[in-house]
C-alpha atoms as a PDB file:
ATOM      1  CA  VAL A   1     -57.103 -65.446 -26.875  1.00  0.00           C
ATOM      2  CA  VAL A   2     -55.535 -62.761 -24.673  1.00  0.00           C
ATOM      3  CA  PHE A   3     -54.994 -59.353 -26.288  1.00  0.00           C
ATOM      4  CA  PHE A   4     -52.226 -56.882 -25.416  1.00  0.00           C
ATOM      5  CA  GLY A   5     -52.721 -53.426 -26.952  1.00  0.00           C
ATOM      6  CA  THR A   6     -52.886 -49.720 -26.200  1.00  0.00           C
ATOM      7  CA  ALA A   7     -53.091 -47.600 -29.371  1.00  0.00           C
ATOM      8  CA  ALA A   8     -56.277 -47.205 -31.411  1.00  0.00           C
ATOM      9  CA  VAL A   9     -54.609 -48.913 -34.390  1.00  0.00           C
ATOM     10  CA  GLY A  10     -55.212 -52.221 -32.601  1.00  0.00           C
ATOM     11  CA  LEU A  11     -58.996 -51.746 -32.354  1.00  0.00           C
ATOM     12  CA  PRO A  12     -59.987 -53.447 -35.650  1.00  0.00           C
ATOM     13  CA  ILE A  13     -57.927 -56.493 -34.645  1.00  0.00           C
ATOM     14  CA  ALA A  14     -59.388 -56.613 -31.125  1.00  0.00           C
ATOM     15  CA  LYS A  15     -62.910 -56.352 -32.557  1.00  0.00           C
ATOM     16  CA  GLU A  16     -62.248 -59.217 -34.979  1.00  0.00           C
ATOM     17  CA  LEU A  17     -60.799 -61.410 -32.215  1.00  0.00           C
ATOM     18  CA  ASN A  18     -63.820 -60.690 -30.035  1.00  0.00           C
ATOM     19  CA  ARG A  19     -66.125 -61.646 -32.900  1.00  0.00           C
ATOM     20  CA  SER A  20     -64.359 -64.769 -34.187  1.00  0.00           C
ATOM     21  CA  CYS A  21     -62.489 -66.128 -31.146  1.00  0.00           C
ATOM     22  CA  ARG A  22     -62.934 -66.359 -27.384  1.00  0.00           C
ATOM     23  CA  LEU A  23     -61.318 -63.121 -26.254  1.00  0.00           C
ATOM     24  CA  ARG A  24     -60.845 -63.721 -22.540  1.00  0.00           C
ATOM     25  CA  LEU A  25     -58.694 -60.804 -21.385  1.00  0.00           C
ATOM     26  CA  VAL A  26     -57.534 -57.379 -22.588  1.00  0.00           C
ATOM     27  CA  VAL A  27     -54.250 -56.035 -21.210  1.00  0.00           C
ATOM     28  CA  THR A  28     -53.512 -52.371 -21.826  1.00  0.00           C
ATOM     29  CA  GLN A  29     -51.317 -49.691 -20.300  1.00  0.00           C
ATOM     30  CA  PRO A  30     -52.441 -47.511 -17.383  1.00  0.00           C
ATOM     31  CA  ASP A  31     -54.344 -44.279 -17.991  1.00  0.00           C
ATOM     32  CA  ARG A  32     -51.990 -41.369 -18.689  1.00  0.00           C
ATOM     33  CA  ARG A  33     -52.320 -37.634 -18.263  1.00  0.00           C
ATOM     34  CA  GLY A  34     -52.289 -35.668 -21.503  1.00  0.00           C
ATOM     35  CA  GLY A  35     -53.809 -32.864 -23.532  1.00  0.00           C
ATOM     36  CA  ARG A  36     -53.832 -29.186 -22.702  1.00  0.00           C
ATOM     37  CA  ASN A  37     -55.480 -29.678 -19.315  1.00  0.00           C
ATOM     38  CA  ARG A  38     -53.381 -32.740 -18.409  1.00  0.00           C
ATOM     39  CA  ARG A  39     -56.536 -34.789 -17.973  1.00  0.00           C
ATOM     40  CA  LEU A  40     -56.378 -38.512 -17.275  1.00  0.00           C
ATOM     41  CA  LEU A  41     -56.789 -40.230 -20.654  1.00  0.00           C
ATOM     42  CA  ALA A  42     -57.809 -43.869 -21.041  1.00  0.00           C
ATOM     43  CA  PRO A  43     -56.233 -46.036 -23.771  1.00  0.00           C
ATOM     44  CA  ALA A  44     -58.522 -46.867 -26.687  1.00  0.00           C
ATOM     45  CA  LEU A  45     -58.379 -50.566 -25.790  1.00  0.00           C
ATOM     46  CA  LYS A  46     -59.642 -49.884 -22.272  1.00  0.00           C
ATOM     47  CA  GLN A  47     -62.754 -48.258 -23.675  1.00  0.00           C
ATOM     48  CA  PHE A  48     -63.215 -51.205 -26.057  1.00  0.00           C
ATOM     49  CA  ALA A  49     -62.941 -53.726 -23.211  1.00  0.00           C
ATOM     50  CA  GLN A  50     -65.416 -51.836 -21.030  1.00  0.00           C
ATOM     51  CA  GLU A  51     -67.943 -51.432 -23.858  1.00  0.00           C
ATOM     52  CA  ASN A  52     -67.786 -55.179 -24.552  1.00  0.00           C
ATOM     53  CA  ARG A  53     -67.698 -56.191 -20.862  1.00  0.00           C
ATOM     54  CA  LEU A  54     -64.377 -57.973 -21.266  1.00  0.00           C
ATOM     55  CA  PRO A  55     -61.982 -58.614 -18.361  1.00  0.00           C
ATOM     56  CA  LEU A  56     -59.367 -55.850 -18.282  1.00  0.00           C
ATOM     57  CA  LEU A  57     -55.961 -55.395 -16.665  1.00  0.00           C
ATOM     58  CA  GLN A  58     -53.783 -52.266 -16.720  1.00  0.00           C
ATOM     59  CA  PRO A  59     -50.578 -53.308 -14.946  1.00  0.00           C
ATOM     60  CA  PRO A  60     -47.909 -50.594 -14.653  1.00  0.00           C
ATOM     61  CA  ASP A  61     -45.371 -53.422 -14.654  1.00  0.00           C
ATOM     62  CA  LEU A  62     -45.912 -56.689 -16.553  1.00  0.00           C
ATOM     63  CA  ARG A  63     -43.895 -58.529 -13.903  1.00  0.00           C
ATOM     64  CA  GLU A  64     -46.679 -58.004 -11.358  1.00  0.00           C
ATOM     65  CA  PRO A  65     -47.930 -61.411 -10.092  1.00  0.00           C
ATOM     66  CA  GLU A  66     -51.572 -60.510 -10.815  1.00  0.00           C
ATOM     67  CA  LEU A  67     -51.058 -60.725 -14.585  1.00  0.00           C
ATOM     68  CA  GLU A  68     -49.347 -64.123 -14.538  1.00  0.00           C
ATOM     69  CA  LEU A  69     -51.996 -65.513 -12.185  1.00  0.00           C
ATOM     70  CA  ALA A  70     -54.766 -64.253 -14.481  1.00  0.00           C
ATOM     71  CA  LEU A  71     -53.132 -65.885 -17.509  1.00  0.00           C
ATOM     72  CA  ARG A  72     -52.674 -69.191 -15.694  1.00  0.00           C
ATOM     73  CA  ARG A  73     -56.368 -69.196 -14.762  1.00  0.00           C
ATOM     74  CA  ILE A  74     -57.390 -68.556 -18.358  1.00  0.00           C
ATOM     75  CA  GLU A  75     -54.891 -71.027 -19.896  1.00  0.00           C
ATOM     76  CA  PRO A  76     -54.898 -69.126 -23.225  1.00  0.00           C
ATOM     77  CA  ASP A  77     -54.096 -70.757 -26.544  1.00  0.00           C
ATOM     78  CA  VAL A  78     -52.362 -67.607 -27.749  1.00  0.00           C
ATOM     79  CA  ALA A  79     -51.633 -64.005 -26.818  1.00  0.00           C
ATOM     80  CA  VAL A  80     -51.861 -61.366 -29.547  1.00  0.00           C
ATOM     81  CA  VAL A  81     -49.848 -58.159 -29.179  1.00  0.00           C
ATOM     82  CA  VAL A  82     -50.598 -55.034 -31.258  1.00  0.00           C
ATOM     83  CA  ALA A  83     -49.037 -51.637 -30.476  1.00  0.00           C
ATOM     84  CA  TYR A  84     -48.872 -52.367 -26.760  1.00  0.00           C
ATOM     85  CA  GLY A  85     -45.847 -50.140 -26.230  1.00  0.00           C
ATOM     86  CA  GLN A  86     -44.013 -52.150 -23.601  1.00  0.00           C
ATOM     87  CA  PHE A  87     -41.629 -55.129 -23.589  1.00  0.00           C
ATOM     88  CA  ILE A  88     -43.376 -58.433 -22.799  1.00  0.00           C
ATOM     89  CA  PRO A  89     -41.314 -60.530 -20.323  1.00  0.00           C
ATOM     90  CA  ARG A  90     -40.472 -64.098 -21.298  1.00  0.00           C
ATOM     91  CA  ASP A  91     -42.540 -65.617 -18.455  1.00  0.00           C
ATOM     92  CA  ILE A  92     -45.625 -63.901 -19.883  1.00  0.00           C
ATOM     93  CA  ARG A  93     -45.032 -64.301 -23.616  1.00  0.00           C
ATOM     94  CA  ASP A  94     -44.205 -68.021 -23.368  1.00  0.00           C
ATOM     95  CA  LEU A  95     -47.145 -68.915 -21.123  1.00  0.00           C
ATOM     96  CA  PRO A  96     -49.881 -69.427 -23.805  1.00  0.00           C
ATOM     97  CA  ARG A  97     -50.005 -72.750 -25.641  1.00  0.00           C
ATOM     98  CA  PHE A  98     -48.961 -71.174 -28.949  1.00  0.00           C
ATOM     99  CA  ARG A  99     -46.995 -68.458 -27.167  1.00  0.00           C
ATOM    100  CA  SER A 100     -47.387 -64.806 -28.152  1.00  0.00           C
ATOM    101  CA  LEU A 101     -47.813 -63.318 -31.603  1.00  0.00           C
ATOM    102  CA  ASN A 102     -47.143 -59.740 -32.628  1.00  0.00           C
ATOM    103  CA  VAL A 103     -48.821 -57.961 -35.536  1.00  0.00           C
ATOM    104  CA  HIS A 104     -46.257 -55.558 -37.003  1.00  0.00           C
ATOM    105  CA  PHE A 105     -46.893 -53.081 -39.808  1.00  0.00           C
ATOM    106  CA  SER A 106     -43.937 -53.785 -42.086  1.00  0.00           C
ATOM    107  CA  LEU A 107     -42.565 -56.628 -44.166  1.00  0.00           C
ATOM    108  CA  LEU A 108     -40.137 -57.935 -41.582  1.00  0.00           C
ATOM    109  CA  PRO A 109     -37.202 -58.023 -41.227  1.00  0.00           C
ATOM    110  CA  ALA A 110     -37.470 -54.544 -42.787  1.00  0.00           C
ATOM    111  CA  TYR A 111     -38.407 -51.644 -40.516  1.00  0.00           C
ATOM    112  CA  ARG A 112     -38.155 -53.170 -37.077  1.00  0.00           C
ATOM    113  CA  GLY A 113     -39.059 -50.714 -34.341  1.00  0.00           C
ATOM    114  CA  ALA A 114     -41.579 -48.159 -33.156  1.00  0.00           C
ATOM    115  CA  ALA A 115     -42.365 -46.296 -36.414  1.00  0.00           C
ATOM    116  CA  PRO A 116     -42.418 -48.749 -39.350  1.00  0.00           C
ATOM    117  CA  VAL A 117     -45.215 -47.004 -41.269  1.00  0.00           C
ATOM    118  CA  GLN A 118     -43.729 -43.524 -40.899  1.00  0.00           C
ATOM    119  CA  ARG A 119     -40.212 -44.596 -41.872  1.00  0.00           C
ATOM    120  CA  ALA A 120     -41.382 -46.554 -44.912  1.00  0.00           C
ATOM    121  CA  ILE A 121     -43.345 -43.564 -46.257  1.00  0.00           C
ATOM    122  CA  GLN A 122     -40.549 -41.144 -45.372  1.00  0.00           C
ATOM    123  CA  ASN A 123     -38.160 -43.256 -47.456  1.00  0.00           C
ATOM    124  CA  GLY A 124     -40.500 -43.170 -50.437  1.00  0.00           C
ATOM    125  CA  GLU A 125     -41.369 -46.871 -50.364  1.00  0.00           C
ATOM    126  CA  SER A 126     -44.139 -48.028 -52.701  1.00  0.00           C
ATOM    127  CA  ARG A 127     -44.920 -51.135 -50.684  1.00  0.00           C
ATOM    128  CA  SER A 128     -44.875 -52.399 -47.130  1.00  0.00           C
ATOM    129  CA  GLY A 129     -47.313 -54.636 -45.338  1.00  0.00           C
ATOM    130  CA  ILE A 130     -48.188 -56.756 -42.337  1.00  0.00           C
ATOM    131  CA  SER A 131     -46.034 -59.322 -40.535  1.00  0.00           C
ATOM    132  CA  ILE A 132     -47.224 -61.775 -37.908  1.00  0.00           C
ATOM    133  CA  PHE A 133     -44.344 -63.144 -35.883  1.00  0.00           C
ATOM    134  CA  GLN A 134     -43.621 -64.895 -32.627  1.00  0.00           C
ATOM    135  CA  LEU A 135     -42.350 -62.668 -29.840  1.00  0.00           C
ATOM    136  CA  SER A 136     -38.776 -63.237 -28.729  1.00  0.00           C
ATOM    137  CA  GLY A 137     -36.264 -61.485 -26.517  1.00  0.00           C
ATOM    138  CA  ARG A 138     -35.189 -59.132 -29.326  1.00  0.00           C
ATOM    139  CA  MET A 139     -37.289 -56.339 -30.797  1.00  0.00           C
ATOM    140  CA  ASP A 140     -39.367 -57.542 -33.765  1.00  0.00           C
ATOM    141  CA  ALA A 141     -36.853 -60.313 -34.464  1.00  0.00           C
ATOM    142  CA  GLY A 142     -38.847 -63.476 -33.690  1.00  0.00           C
ATOM    143  CA  PRO A 143     -39.737 -66.170 -36.234  1.00  0.00           C
ATOM    144  CA  LEU A 144     -42.278 -65.198 -38.902  1.00  0.00           C
ATOM    145  CA  TRP A 145     -45.630 -66.954 -39.174  1.00  0.00           C
ATOM    146  CA  ALA A 146     -46.979 -64.976 -42.137  1.00  0.00           C
ATOM    147  CA  ARG A 147     -46.559 -61.760 -44.149  1.00  0.00           C
ATOM    148  CA  GLU A 148     -48.841 -59.871 -46.514  1.00  0.00           C
ATOM    149  CA  GLU A 149     -47.795 -57.074 -48.841  1.00  0.00           C
ATOM    150  CA  VAL A 150     -49.944 -53.922 -49.008  1.00  0.00           C
ATOM    151  CA  ALA A 151     -49.160 -51.200 -51.560  1.00  0.00           C
ATOM    152  CA  ILE A 152     -48.405 -47.662 -50.370  1.00  0.00           C
ATOM    153  CA  ARG A 153     -50.339 -45.249 -52.574  1.00  0.00           C
ATOM    154  CA  PRO A 154     -48.521 -42.123 -53.832  1.00  0.00           C
ATOM    155  CA  ASP A 155     -50.835 -39.882 -51.784  1.00  0.00           C
ATOM    156  CA  ASP A 156     -50.933 -42.031 -48.629  1.00  0.00           C
ATOM    157  CA  THR A 157     -50.128 -40.384 -45.326  1.00  0.00           C
ATOM    158  CA  SER A 158     -49.175 -42.418 -42.273  1.00  0.00           C
ATOM    159  CA  ALA A 159     -52.722 -41.964 -41.000  1.00  0.00           C
ATOM    160  CA  SER A 160     -54.430 -43.243 -44.159  1.00  0.00           C
ATOM    161  CA  TYR A 161     -52.014 -46.124 -44.747  1.00  0.00           C
ATOM    162  CA  GLN A 162     -52.065 -47.242 -41.132  1.00  0.00           C
ATOM    163  CA  GLN A 163     -55.868 -47.267 -41.174  1.00  0.00           C
ATOM    164  CA  ARG A 164     -55.832 -49.546 -44.232  1.00  0.00           C
ATOM    165  CA  LEU A 165     -53.281 -51.817 -42.594  1.00  0.00           C
ATOM    166  CA  GLY A 166     -55.356 -52.048 -39.417  1.00  0.00           C
ATOM    167  CA  GLU A 167     -58.471 -53.015 -41.360  1.00  0.00           C
ATOM    168  CA  ARG A 168     -56.614 -55.599 -43.444  1.00  0.00           C
ATOM    169  CA  ALA A 169     -54.667 -56.977 -40.464  1.00  0.00           C
ATOM    170  CA  ALA A 170     -57.831 -58.191 -38.708  1.00  0.00           C
ATOM    171  CA  PRO A 171     -58.913 -60.820 -41.291  1.00  0.00           C
ATOM    172  CA  PHE A 172     -55.275 -61.633 -42.074  1.00  0.00           C
ATOM    173  CA  LEU A 173     -54.603 -62.425 -38.409  1.00  0.00           C
ATOM    174  CA  ARG A 174     -57.780 -64.498 -38.166  1.00  0.00           C
ATOM    175  CA  SER A 175     -56.790 -66.653 -41.164  1.00  0.00           C
ATOM    176  CA  THR A 176     -53.230 -66.989 -39.848  1.00  0.00           C
ATOM    177  CA  LEU A 177     -54.488 -68.135 -36.435  1.00  0.00           C
ATOM    178  CA  GLU A 178     -56.701 -70.721 -38.119  1.00  0.00           C
ATOM    179  CA  ARG A 179     -53.664 -72.127 -39.945  1.00  0.00           C
ATOM    180  CA  ILE A 180     -51.564 -72.077 -36.769  1.00  0.00           C
ATOM    181  CA  PHE A 181     -54.218 -73.934 -34.778  1.00  0.00           C
ATOM    182  CA  ALA A 182     -54.640 -76.439 -37.638  1.00  0.00           C
ATOM    183  CA  GLY A 183     -50.897 -77.045 -37.740  1.00  0.00           C
ATOM    184  CA  THR A 184     -50.619 -76.205 -41.455  1.00  0.00           C
ATOM    185  CA  ILE A 185     -47.885 -73.565 -41.070  1.00  0.00           C
ATOM    186  CA  THR A 186     -44.696 -73.264 -39.051  1.00  0.00           C
ATOM    187  CA  PRO A 187     -42.697 -70.121 -38.187  1.00  0.00           C
ATOM    188  CA  ALA A 188     -39.543 -69.351 -40.192  1.00  0.00           C
ATOM    189  CA  PRO A 189     -36.525 -67.412 -38.890  1.00  0.00           C
ATOM    190  CA  GLN A 190     -36.005 -63.876 -40.168  1.00  0.00           C
ATOM    191  CA  ASP A 191     -33.076 -63.106 -42.464  1.00  0.00           C
ATOM    192  CA  GLU A 192     -30.863 -60.868 -40.325  1.00  0.00           C
ATOM    193  CA  ALA A 193     -28.943 -59.683 -43.393  1.00  0.00           C
ATOM    194  CA  LEU A 194     -32.108 -57.886 -44.580  1.00  0.00           C
ATOM    195  CA  ALA A 195     -32.971 -56.276 -41.240  1.00  0.00           C
ATOM    196  CA  SER A 196     -33.476 -52.499 -40.971  1.00  0.00           C
ATOM    197  CA  LEU A 197     -34.655 -50.239 -38.167  1.00  0.00           C
ATOM    198  CA  ALA A 198     -37.580 -47.832 -37.801  1.00  0.00           C
ATOM    199  CA  PRO A 199     -36.790 -45.729 -34.710  1.00  0.00           C
ATOM    200  CA  ALA A 200     -39.436 -43.624 -32.986  1.00  0.00           C
ATOM    201  CA  ILE A 201     -40.227 -40.215 -34.492  1.00  0.00           C
ATOM    202  CA  GLU A 202     -38.928 -37.099 -32.747  1.00  0.00           C
ATOM    203  CA  LYS A 203     -40.726 -33.766 -33.130  1.00  0.00           C
ATOM    204  CA  ARG A 204     -37.600 -31.981 -34.375  1.00  0.00           C
ATOM    205  CA  GLU A 205     -37.592 -34.222 -37.461  1.00  0.00           C
ATOM    206  CA  GLY A 206     -40.679 -32.416 -38.745  1.00  0.00           C
ATOM    207  CA  ARG A 207     -38.816 -29.154 -39.352  1.00  0.00           C
ATOM    208  CA  ALA A 208     -38.538 -28.516 -43.082  1.00  0.00           C
ATOM    209  CA  ASN A 209     -35.023 -28.712 -44.493  1.00  0.00           C
ATOM    210  CA  TRP A 210     -35.238 -26.874 -47.807  1.00  0.00           C
ATOM    211  CA  GLU A 211     -31.851 -28.285 -48.866  1.00  0.00           C
ATOM    212  CA  LEU A 212     -33.587 -31.632 -49.439  1.00  0.00           C
ATOM    213  CA  PRO A 213     -35.227 -32.460 -52.778  1.00  0.00           C
ATOM    214  CA  ALA A 214     -38.923 -31.570 -52.868  1.00  0.00           C
ATOM    215  CA  ARG A 215     -39.982 -35.198 -53.214  1.00  0.00           C
ATOM    216  CA  ARG A 216     -38.142 -36.058 -49.995  1.00  0.00           C
ATOM    217  CA  LEU A 217     -39.893 -33.177 -48.196  1.00  0.00           C
ATOM    218  CA  TYR A 218     -43.242 -34.257 -49.605  1.00  0.00           C
ATOM    219  CA  ASP A 219     -42.651 -37.826 -48.394  1.00  0.00           C
ATOM    220  CA  THR A 220     -41.670 -36.431 -44.984  1.00  0.00           C
ATOM    221  CA  TRP A 221     -44.959 -34.504 -44.874  1.00  0.00           C
ATOM    222  CA  ARG A 222     -46.869 -37.706 -45.756  1.00  0.00           C
ATOM    223  CA  ALA A 223     -44.915 -39.726 -43.201  1.00  0.00           C
ATOM    224  CA  PHE A 224     -45.337 -37.250 -40.360  1.00  0.00           C
ATOM    225  CA  THR A 225     -49.083 -36.687 -40.841  1.00  0.00           C
ATOM    226  CA  PRO A 226     -50.732 -36.451 -38.346  1.00  0.00           C
ATOM    227  CA  TRP A 227     -47.705 -36.022 -36.013  1.00  0.00           C
ATOM    228  CA  PRO A 228     -45.380 -34.149 -35.814  1.00  0.00           C
ATOM    229  CA  GLY A 229     -46.208 -32.869 -39.287  1.00  0.00           C
ATOM    230  CA  LEU A 230     -43.946 -30.894 -41.590  1.00  0.00           C
ATOM    231  CA  PHE A 231     -43.405 -27.341 -40.334  1.00  0.00           C
ATOM    232  CA  PHE A 232     -41.226 -24.256 -40.669  1.00  0.00           C
ATOM    233  CA  HIS A 233     -40.697 -21.156 -38.566  1.00  0.00           C
ATOM    234  CA  LEU A 234     -41.116 -17.544 -39.603  1.00  0.00           C
ATOM    235  CA  PRO A 235     -38.347 -15.045 -38.720  1.00  0.00           C
ATOM    236  CA  GLU A 236     -40.243 -13.919 -35.595  1.00  0.00           C
ATOM    237  CA  GLY A 237     -40.317 -17.524 -34.368  1.00  0.00           C
ATOM    238  CA  GLN A 238     -43.915 -18.464 -35.176  1.00  0.00           C
ATOM    239  CA  GLN A 239     -44.321 -22.095 -36.234  1.00  0.00           C
ATOM    240  CA  VAL A 240     -46.296 -22.814 -39.400  1.00  0.00           C
ATOM    241  CA  LYS A 241     -47.509 -26.360 -40.072  1.00  0.00           C
ATOM    242  CA  VAL A 242     -47.920 -27.625 -43.628  1.00  0.00           C
ATOM    243  CA  LEU A 243     -51.330 -29.304 -44.034  1.00  0.00           C
ATOM    244  CA  ALA A 244     -51.310 -29.969 -47.783  1.00  0.00           C
ATOM    245  CA  ALA A 245     -48.532 -29.963 -50.367  1.00  0.00           C
ATOM    246  CA  GLY A 246     -47.495 -31.130 -53.812  1.00  0.00           C
ATOM    247  CA  VAL A 247     -44.473 -31.356 -56.100  1.00  0.00           C
ATOM    248  CA  PRO A 248     -44.972 -29.409 -59.350  1.00  0.00           C
ATOM    249  CA  GLN A 249     -42.937 -30.101 -62.485  1.00  0.00           C
ATOM    250  CA  ARG A 250     -40.837 -26.964 -62.258  1.00  0.00           C
ATOM    251  CA  GLU A 251     -37.108 -26.282 -62.053  1.00  0.00           C
ATOM    252  CA  HIS A 252     -35.217 -23.334 -60.581  1.00  0.00           C
ATOM    253  CA  SER A 253     -31.756 -21.961 -59.890  1.00  0.00           C
ATOM    254  CA  ALA A 254     -32.645 -20.154 -56.644  1.00  0.00           C
ATOM    255  CA  SER A 255     -31.329 -20.780 -53.128  1.00  0.00           C
ATOM    256  CA  PRO A 256     -33.146 -23.456 -51.081  1.00  0.00           C
ATOM    257  CA  GLY A 257     -35.959 -21.896 -49.059  1.00  0.00           C
ATOM    258  CA  GLU A 258     -36.474 -18.996 -51.443  1.00  0.00           C
ATOM    259  CA  VAL A 259     -40.112 -18.183 -52.205  1.00  0.00           C
ATOM    260  CA  LEU A 260     -40.543 -18.598 -55.965  1.00  0.00           C
ATOM    261  CA  ASP A 261     -44.215 -17.779 -56.247  1.00  0.00           C
ATOM    262  CA  LEU A 262     -47.172 -16.913 -54.024  1.00  0.00           C
ATOM    263  CA  SER A 263     -50.657 -16.938 -55.504  1.00  0.00           C
ATOM    264  CA  PRO A 264     -54.167 -18.145 -54.610  1.00  0.00           C
ATOM    265  CA  ALA A 265     -53.055 -21.513 -56.053  1.00  0.00           C
ATOM    266  CA  GLY A 266     -50.260 -21.997 -53.501  1.00  0.00           C
ATOM    267  CA  LEU A 267     -46.828 -21.086 -52.178  1.00  0.00           C
ATOM    268  CA  GLN A 268     -43.916 -22.439 -54.220  1.00  0.00           C
ATOM    269  CA  VAL A 269     -40.635 -22.855 -52.338  1.00  0.00           C
ATOM    270  CA  ALA A 270     -37.225 -23.664 -53.819  1.00  0.00           C
ATOM    271  CA  CYS A 271     -35.783 -26.965 -52.618  1.00  0.00           C
ATOM    272  CA  GLY A 272     -32.582 -28.900 -53.233  1.00  0.00           C
ATOM    273  CA  LEU A 273     -31.493 -30.167 -56.665  1.00  0.00           C
ATOM    274  CA  GLY A 274     -33.556 -27.508 -58.440  1.00  0.00           C
ATOM    275  CA  THR A 275     -36.881 -28.921 -57.264  1.00  0.00           C
ATOM    276  CA  VAL A 276     -39.966 -27.133 -55.936  1.00  0.00           C
ATOM    277  CA  LEU A 277     -42.397 -27.846 -53.112  1.00  0.00           C
ATOM    278  CA  GLU A 278     -45.825 -26.271 -53.484  1.00  0.00           C
ATOM    279  CA  ILE A 279     -47.570 -25.621 -50.164  1.00  0.00           C
ATOM    280  CA  LEU A 280     -51.343 -25.615 -50.555  1.00  0.00           C
ATOM    281  CA  ALA A 281     -52.603 -25.293 -46.968  1.00  0.00           C
ATOM    282  CA  ILE A 282     -51.017 -24.220 -43.704  1.00  0.00           C
ATOM    283  CA  GLN A 283     -51.866 -23.800 -40.048  1.00  0.00           C
ATOM    284  CA  PRO A 284     -50.001 -20.961 -38.348  1.00  0.00           C
ATOM    285  CA  GLU A 285     -49.425 -21.443 -34.642  1.00  0.00           C
ATOM    286  CA  GLY A 286     -52.614 -20.731 -32.691  1.00  0.00           C
ATOM    287  CA  LYS A 287     -54.730 -20.266 -35.831  1.00  0.00           C
ATOM    288  CA  LYS A 288     -57.041 -22.360 -38.020  1.00  0.00           C
ATOM    289  CA  GLU A 289     -56.252 -23.931 -41.389  1.00  0.00           C
ATOM    290  CA  MET A 290     -55.851 -21.494 -44.298  1.00  0.00           C
ATOM    291  CA  SER A 291     -54.076 -21.118 -47.617  1.00  0.00           C
ATOM    292  CA  PRO A 292     -50.686 -19.358 -47.730  1.00  0.00           C
ATOM    293  CA  TRP A 293     -52.354 -16.669 -49.867  1.00  0.00           C
ATOM    294  CA  GLN A 294     -55.002 -16.037 -47.186  1.00  0.00           C
ATOM    295  CA  TYR A 295     -52.274 -15.772 -44.562  1.00  0.00           C
ATOM    296  CA  SER A 296     -50.282 -13.311 -46.681  1.00  0.00           C
ATOM    297  CA  LEU A 297     -53.238 -10.894 -46.858  1.00  0.00           C
ATOM    298  CA  GLY A 298     -52.717 -10.036 -43.204  1.00  0.00           C
ATOM    299  CA  HIS A 299     -49.103 -11.076 -42.599  1.00  0.00           C
ATOM    300  CA  ARG A 300     -45.909 -10.587 -44.556  1.00  0.00           C
ATOM    301  CA  LEU A 301     -44.133 -13.770 -45.641  1.00  0.00           C
ATOM    302  CA  PRO A 302     -40.334 -13.519 -45.970  1.00  0.00           C
ATOM    303  CA  GLU A 303     -38.670 -13.810 -49.370  1.00  0.00           C
ATOM    304  CA  ARG A 304     -36.771 -16.807 -48.054  1.00  0.00           C
ATOM    305  CA  LEU A 305     -38.105 -19.304 -45.535  1.00  0.00           C
ATOM    306  CA  PRO A 306     -35.601 -20.188 -42.786  1.00  0.00           C
END
């Protein structure tokens, strides 16, 4: 097996492949500068490969001859791709005996794209899952080898649900590979009529729109945790991030954004369709986590949030 991956979500799968198969090569993206000090940061899969003394490549371009030569030397049965973050050229993806498989966190053909977990939670879905499909020239559109449904809990955030998917995906991939190698399953084409997209998240999407129903805002908070989060700005421009929230059974006739109640229990804000979002914990810009009540003891909150 050859593994292509960059994000930490692929670690449980890489660990399982290293334990149960012959993992011969890890391909990940080059180190990138990030953080406050713009330090050079290594991908999680690079650290995994080094800790396990596995051959590692970090090509800036997958069309570099070095990668193809390495694959031809290995003669892999299959390449597994998980959150690699870059298009795999046909010459590379078709080189292994069983070609290249992608582990995608949705029930394809639903939620094709970069943010399937976030978009499913944002839309209030109660279920999603894991799809294992064969890479093709179109994004997440190749034939399906296997799918497994995994329930989305009412309190799941993207972080918690994605962690569960990553843990479940490892044994699911192993069993699927066993069936592929045994010749007991064949890939089936996706139904294009059922296809939907999950485009990448943009930071601006995390800004609270109080015109929306509270449940939609709550699902947005769950979907955008840990990034970019749900946030609002105070009149002086300071950003405040919502760290915990709920939807109480309360109705109102106020304008969206109006503060209905502020107490040690929480901050209740009027939302669309007469609904209420209760904010339980916040993080003002440059400060630590606190309750809205704690913040109000030293700062004045407006009567209506912008």
